[in-house]
Protein backbone atom coordinates (compact mmCIF):
# COMPACT_ATOMS: atom_id res chain seq x y z
CA MET A 1 6.46 -0.60 -18.37
CA LEU A 2 4.32 1.98 -20.19
CA ASP A 3 6.37 4.57 -18.34
CA SER A 4 4.68 7.71 -19.65
CA LEU A 5 1.11 6.36 -19.40
CA GLY A 6 1.78 5.01 -15.90
CA LYS A 7 3.28 8.28 -14.66
CA ASN A 8 0.43 10.36 -16.06
CA LEU A 9 -2.25 8.11 -14.56
CA SER A 10 -0.55 7.89 -11.15
CA ASN A 11 -0.19 11.70 -11.13
CA LEU A 12 -3.90 11.99 -11.85
CA ILE A 13 -4.73 9.61 -8.99
CA LYS A 14 -2.41 11.56 -6.69
CA LYS A 15 -4.20 14.77 -7.67
CA ILE A 16 -7.59 13.21 -6.81
CA ILE A 17 -6.29 11.99 -3.44
CA THR A 18 -4.65 15.28 -2.44
CA SER A 19 -7.28 17.76 -3.75
CA THR A 20 -8.82 19.89 -1.00
CA SER A 21 -12.32 19.18 -2.30
CA ILE A 22 -13.96 17.12 -5.04
CA ASP A 23 -17.20 18.45 -6.59
CA LYS A 24 -18.91 18.22 -10.00
CA ASN A 25 -16.54 20.72 -11.63
CA ALA A 26 -13.51 18.89 -10.25
CA VAL A 27 -14.84 15.58 -11.65
CA GLU A 28 -15.21 17.15 -15.11
CA GLU A 29 -11.61 18.41 -14.96
CA ILE A 30 -10.45 14.93 -13.93
CA LEU A 31 -12.32 13.33 -16.85
CA LYS A 32 -10.88 15.88 -19.28
CA GLU A 33 -7.34 15.07 -18.12
CA LEU A 34 -8.01 11.30 -18.18
CA LYS A 35 -9.22 11.53 -21.78
CA LYS A 36 -6.07 13.41 -22.79
CA ILE A 37 -3.84 10.80 -21.09
CA LEU A 38 -5.55 7.87 -22.82
CA LEU A 39 -5.47 9.46 -26.28
CA GLN A 40 -1.75 10.24 -25.87
CA ALA A 41 -1.23 6.54 -25.15
CA ASP A 42 -2.95 5.63 -28.46
CA VAL A 43 -6.12 4.26 -26.87
CA ASP A 44 -8.87 4.23 -29.50
CA LEU A 45 -10.96 7.46 -29.55
CA LYS A 46 -14.31 5.64 -29.55
CA LEU A 47 -13.28 3.43 -26.60
CA THR A 48 -11.91 6.46 -24.74
CA ASN A 49 -15.15 8.41 -25.18
CA GLU A 50 -17.20 5.43 -24.05
CA LEU A 51 -15.04 5.01 -20.94
CA ILE A 52 -15.26 8.72 -20.04
CA GLU A 53 -19.07 8.65 -20.40
CA LYS A 54 -19.34 5.56 -18.18
CA ILE A 55 -17.26 7.21 -15.46
CA ARG A 56 -19.24 10.46 -15.75
CA LYS A 57 -22.56 8.62 -15.44
CA LYS A 58 -21.46 6.53 -12.45
CA CYS A 59 -19.96 9.51 -10.61
CA LEU A 60 -22.37 12.34 -11.44
CA VAL A 61 -25.69 10.71 -12.35
CA GLU A 62 -25.98 7.45 -10.44
CA LYS A 63 -26.24 7.37 -6.65
CA ILE A 64 -22.93 7.03 -4.80
CA PRO A 65 -22.81 3.78 -2.75
CA PRO A 66 -23.31 4.27 0.99
CA GLY A 67 -20.13 4.75 3.02
CA LEU A 68 -18.13 6.29 0.13
CA THR A 69 -17.31 9.94 -0.48
CA LEU A 70 -17.30 11.31 -4.06
CA ARG A 71 -13.48 11.29 -3.93
CA GLU A 72 -13.37 7.61 -2.96
CA HIS A 73 -16.08 6.73 -5.46
CA ILE A 74 -14.34 8.32 -8.45
CA LEU A 75 -11.08 6.54 -7.55
CA LYS A 76 -12.90 3.21 -7.45
CA VAL A 77 -14.83 3.85 -10.68
CA VAL A 78 -11.72 4.95 -12.64
CA TYR A 79 -9.93 1.79 -11.53
CA GLU A 80 -12.85 -0.53 -12.37
CA GLU A 81 -13.54 1.01 -15.78
CA LEU A 82 -9.87 0.86 -16.81
CA VAL A 83 -9.86 -2.83 -15.84
CA ASN A 84 -12.99 -3.38 -17.97
CA LEU A 85 -11.41 -1.54 -20.91
CA LEU A 86 -8.20 -3.58 -20.75
CA GLY A 87 -9.64 -7.06 -20.49
CA LYS A 88 -11.46 -7.86 -17.21
CA GLU A 89 -10.43 -11.44 -16.33
CA PRO A 90 -6.94 -13.05 -16.53
CA ALA A 91 -6.54 -16.20 -18.65
CA SER A 92 -4.35 -19.29 -18.42
CA LEU A 93 -2.75 -21.73 -20.89
CA ILE A 94 -2.28 -24.56 -18.42
CA GLY A 95 -3.67 -27.77 -19.91
CA LYS A 96 -3.17 -26.66 -23.53
CA LYS A 97 -1.02 -29.04 -25.59
CA LYS A 98 -0.31 -27.41 -28.98
CA ILE A 99 0.24 -23.64 -28.86
CA MET A 100 0.97 -21.84 -32.14
CA LEU A 101 2.47 -18.34 -32.16
CA ILE A 102 1.70 -16.03 -35.09
CA GLY A 103 2.26 -12.36 -35.82
CA LEU A 104 3.97 -9.62 -37.77
CA TYR A 105 7.66 -9.46 -38.70
CA GLY A 106 9.73 -8.46 -35.67
CA SER A 107 6.87 -8.81 -33.20
CA GLY A 108 8.86 -11.04 -30.84
CA LYS A 109 7.33 -14.46 -31.62
CA THR A 110 10.57 -16.46 -31.32
CA THR A 111 11.56 -14.96 -27.98
CA SER A 112 7.97 -15.24 -26.74
CA ALA A 113 7.93 -18.97 -27.63
CA ALA A 114 11.03 -19.51 -25.47
CA LYS A 115 9.58 -17.35 -22.67
CA LEU A 116 6.42 -19.45 -22.72
CA ALA A 117 8.50 -22.62 -22.54
CA ARG A 118 10.23 -21.18 -19.46
CA TYR A 119 6.84 -20.24 -18.00
CA PHE A 120 5.61 -23.84 -18.37
CA GLN A 121 8.84 -25.16 -16.88
CA LYS A 122 8.19 -23.09 -13.76
CA GLN A 123 4.75 -24.72 -13.53
CA GLY A 124 6.46 -28.13 -13.35
CA LEU A 125 5.57 -29.09 -16.94
CA LYS A 126 7.70 -30.51 -19.77
CA PRO A 127 7.65 -28.15 -22.81
CA ALA A 128 9.17 -28.50 -26.29
CA LEU A 129 9.80 -25.97 -29.07
CA LEU A 130 8.97 -26.44 -32.76
CA ALA A 131 10.70 -24.08 -35.23
CA LEU A 132 8.67 -23.41 -38.40
CA ASP A 133 10.01 -19.96 -39.31
CA TYR A 134 12.14 -20.64 -42.39
CA HIS A 135 11.71 -17.19 -43.93
CA ARG A 136 13.71 -15.06 -41.49
CA PRO A 137 17.48 -15.69 -41.58
CA ALA A 138 18.77 -17.23 -38.32
CA ALA A 139 15.25 -17.61 -36.83
CA VAL A 140 15.76 -21.35 -36.33
CA GLU A 141 19.24 -20.83 -34.89
CA GLN A 142 17.87 -18.21 -32.48
CA LEU A 143 15.21 -20.61 -31.17
CA VAL A 144 17.78 -23.42 -30.82
CA GLN A 145 20.04 -21.15 -28.74
CA LEU A 146 17.14 -20.00 -26.55
CA GLY A 147 16.09 -23.63 -26.06
CA LYS A 148 19.60 -24.50 -24.89
CA GLN A 149 19.50 -21.72 -22.29
CA ILE A 150 16.53 -23.34 -20.56
CA ASN A 151 17.27 -26.96 -21.52
CA VAL A 152 14.18 -27.33 -23.76
CA PRO A 153 14.43 -29.41 -27.00
CA VAL A 154 13.88 -27.72 -30.37
CA TYR A 155 12.88 -29.50 -33.60
CA PHE A 156 13.20 -28.10 -37.14
CA ASP A 157 13.17 -29.50 -40.66
CA LYS A 158 16.65 -29.44 -42.22
CA ASN A 159 15.17 -28.82 -45.67
CA ASN A 160 13.16 -25.81 -44.47
CA ASP A 161 9.80 -27.44 -45.25
CA PRO A 162 7.30 -25.97 -42.73
CA TYR A 163 4.59 -28.58 -43.43
CA LYS A 164 6.93 -31.58 -43.06
CA GLY A 165 8.53 -29.92 -40.03
CA ALA A 166 5.11 -29.48 -38.41
CA LYS A 167 4.09 -33.13 -38.92
CA GLU A 168 7.42 -34.61 -37.77
CA GLY A 169 7.79 -32.21 -34.86
CA LEU A 170 4.34 -33.00 -33.49
CA GLU A 171 5.10 -36.72 -33.69
CA LYS A 172 8.51 -36.32 -32.04
CA PHE A 173 7.10 -34.31 -29.13
CA LYS A 174 3.81 -36.19 -28.68
CA ASN A 175 4.78 -37.26 -25.14
CA TYR A 176 5.59 -33.71 -23.99
CA ASP A 177 3.15 -31.66 -21.88
CA CYS A 178 3.07 -28.75 -24.33
CA ILE A 179 4.54 -27.82 -27.71
CA LEU A 180 5.29 -24.16 -28.49
CA ILE A 181 5.23 -23.61 -32.26
CA ASP A 182 7.09 -20.62 -33.75
CA THR A 183 5.81 -19.62 -37.21
CA ALA A 184 7.17 -17.12 -39.74
CA GLY A 185 6.46 -13.43 -39.26
CA ARG A 186 4.11 -11.96 -41.81
CA SER A 187 1.53 -9.30 -42.46
CA ALA A 188 -1.97 -10.71 -42.32
CA LEU A 189 -2.43 -9.14 -45.76
CA ASP A 190 0.50 -11.02 -47.39
CA LYS A 191 -1.35 -13.60 -49.53
CA GLU A 192 1.48 -16.15 -49.93
CA LEU A 193 2.38 -16.26 -46.24
CA ALA A 194 -1.30 -16.15 -45.33
CA ARG A 195 -1.85 -19.35 -47.32
CA GLU A 196 1.11 -21.00 -45.55
CA LEU A 197 -0.26 -20.03 -42.15
CA LYS A 198 -3.75 -21.29 -42.99
CA LYS A 199 -2.35 -24.66 -44.14
CA LEU A 200 -0.17 -24.96 -41.01
CA GLY A 201 -3.26 -24.35 -38.91
CA GLU A 202 -5.00 -27.24 -40.67
CA ILE A 203 -2.02 -29.57 -40.11
CA ILE A 204 -1.31 -28.63 -36.49
CA LYS A 205 -4.89 -28.18 -35.27
CA PRO A 206 -3.60 -26.05 -32.36
CA ASP A 207 -5.34 -25.86 -28.99
CA GLU A 208 -4.27 -22.22 -28.75
CA VAL A 209 -3.33 -19.64 -31.39
CA LEU A 210 -1.52 -16.69 -29.83
CA LEU A 211 -1.02 -13.49 -31.80
CA THR A 212 2.13 -11.63 -30.72
CA ILE A 213 1.73 -7.87 -30.96
CA PRO A 214 4.47 -5.36 -30.06
CA ALA A 215 3.19 -2.66 -27.71
CA ASP A 216 4.51 0.11 -29.97
CA ILE A 217 2.24 -0.93 -32.85
CA GLY A 218 -0.58 1.11 -31.31
CA LYS A 219 -3.89 1.34 -33.15
CA VAL A 220 -2.78 -0.87 -36.08
CA ALA A 221 -3.16 -3.84 -33.69
CA GLY A 222 -6.94 -3.91 -34.17
CA PRO A 223 -7.07 -4.42 -37.98
CA GLN A 224 -4.15 -6.91 -37.87
CA ALA A 225 -5.85 -8.92 -35.11
CA LYS A 226 -9.04 -9.10 -37.19
CA GLU A 227 -7.20 -10.32 -40.31
CA PHE A 228 -5.18 -12.97 -38.44
CA ASN A 229 -8.38 -14.10 -36.73
CA LYS A 230 -9.97 -14.75 -40.14
CA LEU A 231 -6.99 -16.93 -41.16
CA VAL A 232 -6.55 -19.21 -38.17
CA GLY A 233 -8.86 -18.10 -35.37
CA ILE A 234 -6.98 -16.27 -32.61
CA THR A 235 -7.59 -17.55 -29.08
CA GLY A 236 -5.34 -15.02 -27.33
CA VAL A 237 -2.70 -12.32 -27.59
CA ILE A 238 0.80 -11.77 -26.22
CA VAL A 239 1.70 -8.07 -26.08
CA THR A 240 5.50 -7.79 -26.33
CA LYS A 241 7.96 -4.95 -25.66
CA MET A 242 5.82 -3.49 -22.88
CA ASP A 243 8.97 -2.22 -21.19
CA GLY A 244 9.97 0.18 -23.93
CA THR A 245 6.96 2.23 -25.03
CA ALA A 246 4.25 4.57 -23.85
CA LYS A 247 1.88 3.47 -26.62
CA GLY A 248 0.90 0.06 -25.23
CA GLY A 249 -2.54 1.31 -24.32
CA GLY A 250 -3.39 1.27 -28.02
CA ALA A 251 -2.42 -2.38 -28.44
CA LEU A 252 -4.29 -3.43 -25.29
CA SER A 253 -7.47 -1.51 -26.04
CA ALA A 254 -7.46 -2.59 -29.70
CA CYS A 255 -7.29 -6.22 -28.56
CA ALA A 256 -10.16 -5.60 -26.16
CA ALA A 257 -12.19 -4.03 -28.96
CA THR A 258 -11.66 -7.01 -31.28
CA LYS A 259 -12.44 -9.50 -28.46
CA ALA A 260 -8.94 -10.99 -28.73
CA LYS A 261 -8.03 -11.71 -25.13
CA VAL A 262 -4.58 -10.61 -23.93
CA LYS A 263 -3.05 -13.58 -22.10
CA PHE A 264 0.59 -12.58 -21.56
CA ILE A 265 2.72 -9.45 -21.59
CA GLY A 266 6.46 -9.29 -22.28
CA VAL A 267 8.09 -6.86 -19.84
CA GLY A 268 11.81 -7.25 -20.61
CA GLU A 269 14.49 -9.07 -22.58
CA ARG A 270 15.18 -11.94 -20.16
CA LEU A 271 13.39 -15.27 -20.61
CA GLU A 272 11.92 -14.71 -17.15
CA ASP A 273 10.30 -11.44 -18.28
CA LEU A 274 6.90 -12.79 -19.28
CA GLU A 275 3.85 -12.22 -17.08
CA VAL A 276 0.37 -13.66 -17.16
CA TYR A 277 -1.76 -10.65 -18.07
CA ASN A 278 -3.98 -9.82 -15.12
CA PRO A 279 -5.97 -6.63 -15.90
CA GLU A 280 -6.57 -5.82 -12.21
CA ARG A 281 -2.89 -6.05 -11.33
CA PHE A 282 -1.85 -4.26 -14.52
CA VAL A 283 -4.17 -1.29 -13.94
CA SER A 284 -3.14 -1.17 -10.29
CA ARG A 285 0.47 -0.70 -11.41
CA LEU A 286 -0.47 1.89 -14.02
CA LEU A 287 -2.23 3.94 -11.34
CA GLY A 288 0.81 3.82 -9.08
CA LEU A 289 -0.89 1.52 -6.58
CA GLY A 290 1.62 -1.30 -6.99
CA ASP A 291 1.05 -5.04 -7.26
CA LEU A 292 1.77 -6.90 -4.06
CA GLN A 293 0.68 -10.26 -5.44
CA THR A 294 3.16 -10.22 -8.32
CA LEU A 295 5.85 -8.91 -5.95
CA LEU A 296 5.25 -11.87 -3.64
CA GLU A 297 5.34 -14.32 -6.57
CA LYS A 298 8.65 -12.88 -7.80
CA ALA A 299 10.04 -13.04 -4.25
CA LYS A 300 9.05 -16.70 -4.04
CA GLU A 301 10.76 -17.50 -7.36
CA ALA A 302 13.89 -15.67 -6.18
CA GLU A 303 13.81 -17.68 -2.94
CA LEU A 304 13.57 -14.66 -0.66
CA LYS A 305 13.25 -16.23 2.77
CA PRO A 306 10.12 -15.00 4.61
CA GLU A 307 11.82 -15.18 8.01
CA LYS A 308 14.70 -13.02 6.77
CA VAL A 309 12.31 -10.52 5.16
CA GLU A 310 10.43 -10.29 8.46
CA LYS A 311 13.70 -9.60 10.33
CA ILE A 312 14.43 -6.75 7.91
CA VAL A 313 10.93 -5.29 8.22
CA GLU A 314 11.18 -5.50 12.02
CA GLY A 315 14.60 -3.77 11.94
CA LYS A 316 16.39 -6.72 13.54
CA PHE A 317 18.64 -7.74 10.66
CA THR A 318 22.42 -8.11 10.41
CA LEU A 319 24.65 -7.30 7.43
CA LYS A 320 24.68 -11.04 6.70
CA ASP A 321 20.86 -10.99 6.39
CA PHE A 322 21.10 -7.85 4.28
CA TYR A 323 23.63 -9.49 1.91
CA GLU A 324 21.50 -12.64 1.48
CA GLN A 325 18.49 -10.50 0.54
CA LEU A 326 20.58 -8.47 -1.94
CA GLU A 327 21.58 -11.74 -3.61
CA ALA A 328 17.96 -12.87 -3.89
CA LEU A 329 16.78 -9.40 -4.91
CA SER A 330 19.13 -9.42 -7.91
CA LYS A 331 17.27 -12.49 -9.23
CA MET A 332 13.96 -10.60 -9.25
CA GLY A 333 15.04 -8.16 -11.96
CA PRO A 334 15.88 -4.44 -12.20
CA LEU A 335 15.05 -2.25 -9.19
CA GLN A 336 12.70 -0.05 -11.23
CA LYS A 337 10.46 -3.03 -12.07
CA ILE A 338 10.44 -4.22 -8.47
CA ALA A 339 9.71 -0.69 -7.23
CA ASN A 340 6.67 -0.40 -9.52
CA LEU A 341 5.13 -3.38 -7.71
CA ILE A 342 5.30 -1.63 -4.32
CA PRO A 343 1.96 0.05 -3.40
CA GLY A 344 2.18 3.84 -3.58
CA PHE A 345 5.69 3.88 -5.06
CA GLY A 346 4.45 5.11 -8.44
CA MET A 347 3.21 8.30 -6.77
CA VAL A 348 6.61 9.14 -5.31
CA LYS A 349 8.60 11.62 -7.40
CA LEU A 350 12.24 10.52 -7.61
CA PRO A 351 15.21 12.07 -9.44
CA ASP A 352 15.89 10.63 -12.90
CA ASN A 353 18.12 7.51 -12.93
CA LEU A 354 18.11 7.31 -9.13
CA LEU A 355 17.17 3.63 -9.08
CA GLU A 356 19.69 2.76 -11.78
CA LYS A 357 22.43 4.46 -9.74
CA GLN A 358 21.22 2.70 -6.61
CA GLU A 359 21.31 -0.65 -8.42
CA GLU A 360 25.00 -0.11 -9.25
CA LYS A 361 25.65 0.94 -5.66
CA LEU A 362 24.03 -2.25 -4.35
CA LYS A 363 26.52 -4.28 -6.41
CA HIS A 364 29.36 -2.40 -4.73
CA PHE A 365 27.78 -3.01 -1.32
CA LYS A 366 27.82 -6.76 -2.04
CA TYR A 367 31.57 -6.64 -2.72
CA ILE A 368 32.09 -4.74 0.53
CA ILE A 369 30.05 -7.19 2.62
CA GLN A 370 31.89 -10.12 0.99
CA SER A 371 35.18 -8.61 2.24
CA MET A 372 34.01 -8.57 5.85
CA THR A 373 34.66 -11.30 8.40
CA PRO A 374 31.68 -13.43 9.58
CA GLU A 375 31.86 -11.61 12.94
CA GLU A 376 31.67 -8.19 11.26
CA ARG A 377 28.63 -9.20 9.22
CA GLU A 378 26.83 -10.44 12.34
CA ASN A 379 27.83 -7.45 14.49
CA PRO A 380 28.63 -4.37 12.35
CA SER A 381 29.05 -2.19 15.46
CA ILE A 382 32.58 -3.60 15.92
CA ILE A 383 33.75 -2.12 12.60
CA ASN A 384 36.17 0.68 13.45
CA ALA A 385 38.47 2.85 11.30
CA SER A 386 41.19 0.21 10.85
CA ARG A 387 38.62 -2.43 9.90
CA ILE A 388 37.09 -0.01 7.38
CA ARG A 389 40.52 0.44 5.74
CA ARG A 390 41.01 -3.35 5.51
CA ILE A 391 37.48 -3.92 4.10
CA ALA A 392 37.99 -1.15 1.51
CA ARG A 393 41.26 -2.72 0.32
CA GLY A 394 39.71 -6.19 0.15
CA SER A 395 36.65 -5.06 -1.83
CA GLY A 396 38.44 -2.63 -4.13
CA ARG A 397 36.02 0.11 -3.09
CA PRO A 398 36.83 3.46 -1.42
CA GLU A 399 36.60 3.82 2.38
CA SER A 400 33.82 6.39 1.88
CA GLU A 401 31.63 3.67 0.32
CA VAL A 402 32.22 1.32 3.26
CA ARG A 403 31.12 4.12 5.62
CA GLU A 404 28.13 4.85 3.39
CA LEU A 405 27.02 1.20 3.56
CA LEU A 406 27.30 1.17 7.36
CA ASP A 407 25.42 4.49 7.56
CA GLN A 408 22.60 3.27 5.31
CA TYR A 409 22.42 -0.01 7.23
CA ASN A 410 21.99 1.81 10.55
CA LYS A 411 19.46 4.27 9.12
CA MET A 412 17.45 1.45 7.55
CA ARG A 413 17.30 -0.44 10.85
CA LYS A 414 16.10 2.69 12.66
CA LEU A 415 13.52 3.45 9.94
CA MET A 416 12.04 -0.06 10.02
CA LYS A 417 11.80 0.03 13.79
CA SER A 418 10.12 3.46 13.69
CA LEU A 419 7.49 2.14 11.23
CA GLY A 420 6.51 -0.54 13.73
CA GLY A 421 7.37 -3.58 11.61
CA LEU A 422 4.75 -5.51 9.66
CA LYS A 423 1.87 -4.25 11.81
CA GLY A 424 2.97 -0.66 11.26
CA LEU A 425 2.96 -1.10 7.49
CA GLN A 426 -0.58 -2.43 7.68
CA ARG A 427 -1.86 0.77 9.27
CA GLY A 428 -2.25 4.36 8.15
CA ALA A 429 -2.69 6.06 4.78
CA LEU A 430 -1.49 3.11 2.68
CA LYS A 431 -4.11 0.82 4.15
CA GLN A 432 -6.85 3.46 3.69
CA LEU A 433 -5.89 3.94 0.04
CA ALA A 434 -5.88 0.20 -0.60
CA LYS A 435 -9.28 -0.12 1.08
CA GLN A 436 -10.83 2.32 -1.40
CA PHE A 437 -9.93 -0.07 -4.22
CA GLY A 438 -10.89 -3.22 -2.39
CA PHE A 439 -7.25 -4.35 -2.00
CA LYS A 440 -5.86 -6.12 1.04
CA ILE A 441 -2.43 -5.31 2.45
């Protein structure tokens, strides 16, 4: 997500943390680099200048709070001001009945409608989808197929009448907890489609109007948000395609400037890849400080068993435990996304494509463990050369890979034990860094 912006910001934070000394000149250099990073990410120039001036004033003019060094203070101020720039408080849609999605052509409205339906499902609610996009070929069919994937009903008018479809769909789904309404993509400046959207707004009387904006739209997001707001009154924004661009800062800051609150961000192609936009968590990830809360939520959804995780952290796990966690881990999404949620991981420089290669290797490891006997999984120390040959044949993987798995398993156990388990992870530099930002580990 926002790969380039995130890397640049986390490198800047790393530089602040590792600098031998931080004085007034060093702060000015930091601000100069921060400004360059934000402008490269398409953050509005006026907003960028305002943010830089706020940080300069708080760090060099105002009195530093007692107990903090200048280094710690600038870290805290950079974090807080980026949160303020990108939206401050998270928002929720729980309790909203009729939710209408609007936006430009190709902004991801249809997929976002289905992702929202899946989001509500996970909250224990009963959602329905209403297809009103009769301008884009196959838009209705796409929504129907997405609805089938998550077992959510979809209504559409067979004669492609958006007004009739809206009235009949609302009546059909009146007993559902929430109705997600997909409208046709349009430019806010297209007069004919603008009239259609305005009339649909009058018929539907939505509780929420969400503007979908692709992250790569950059600074154009601001003017479009203003025009759509005039037509139907935007109550929130979904920023889509956050996983494929470095320009998302422009979309986010433009929304902040126009007072259109970002409520969700799309971070991938799967229907699970929609996150409630929480500015504090988002900025924490951008700075390379991770997001433990989201990591824990994803782990819960993937049914990672706490007692098994604790065994792994304590270095007391078997290959059977390891396999069960690999299975659950695969449900959480790509390794790169999971890694970005781990505090401090964003500051670690890794070779290109390392995590992608490791992800493929983990699949092979699963095949190898599946080919072992229950006794071998519980007690890997009994695996000798002849057993390795049998396991390799059964899994279709080379003997060298079986040995590599056993080697990594033993090294991982030793590493976890050397870190001192959960208590060990809660001590040291990681805890000190988190403390500077007011986080708890």
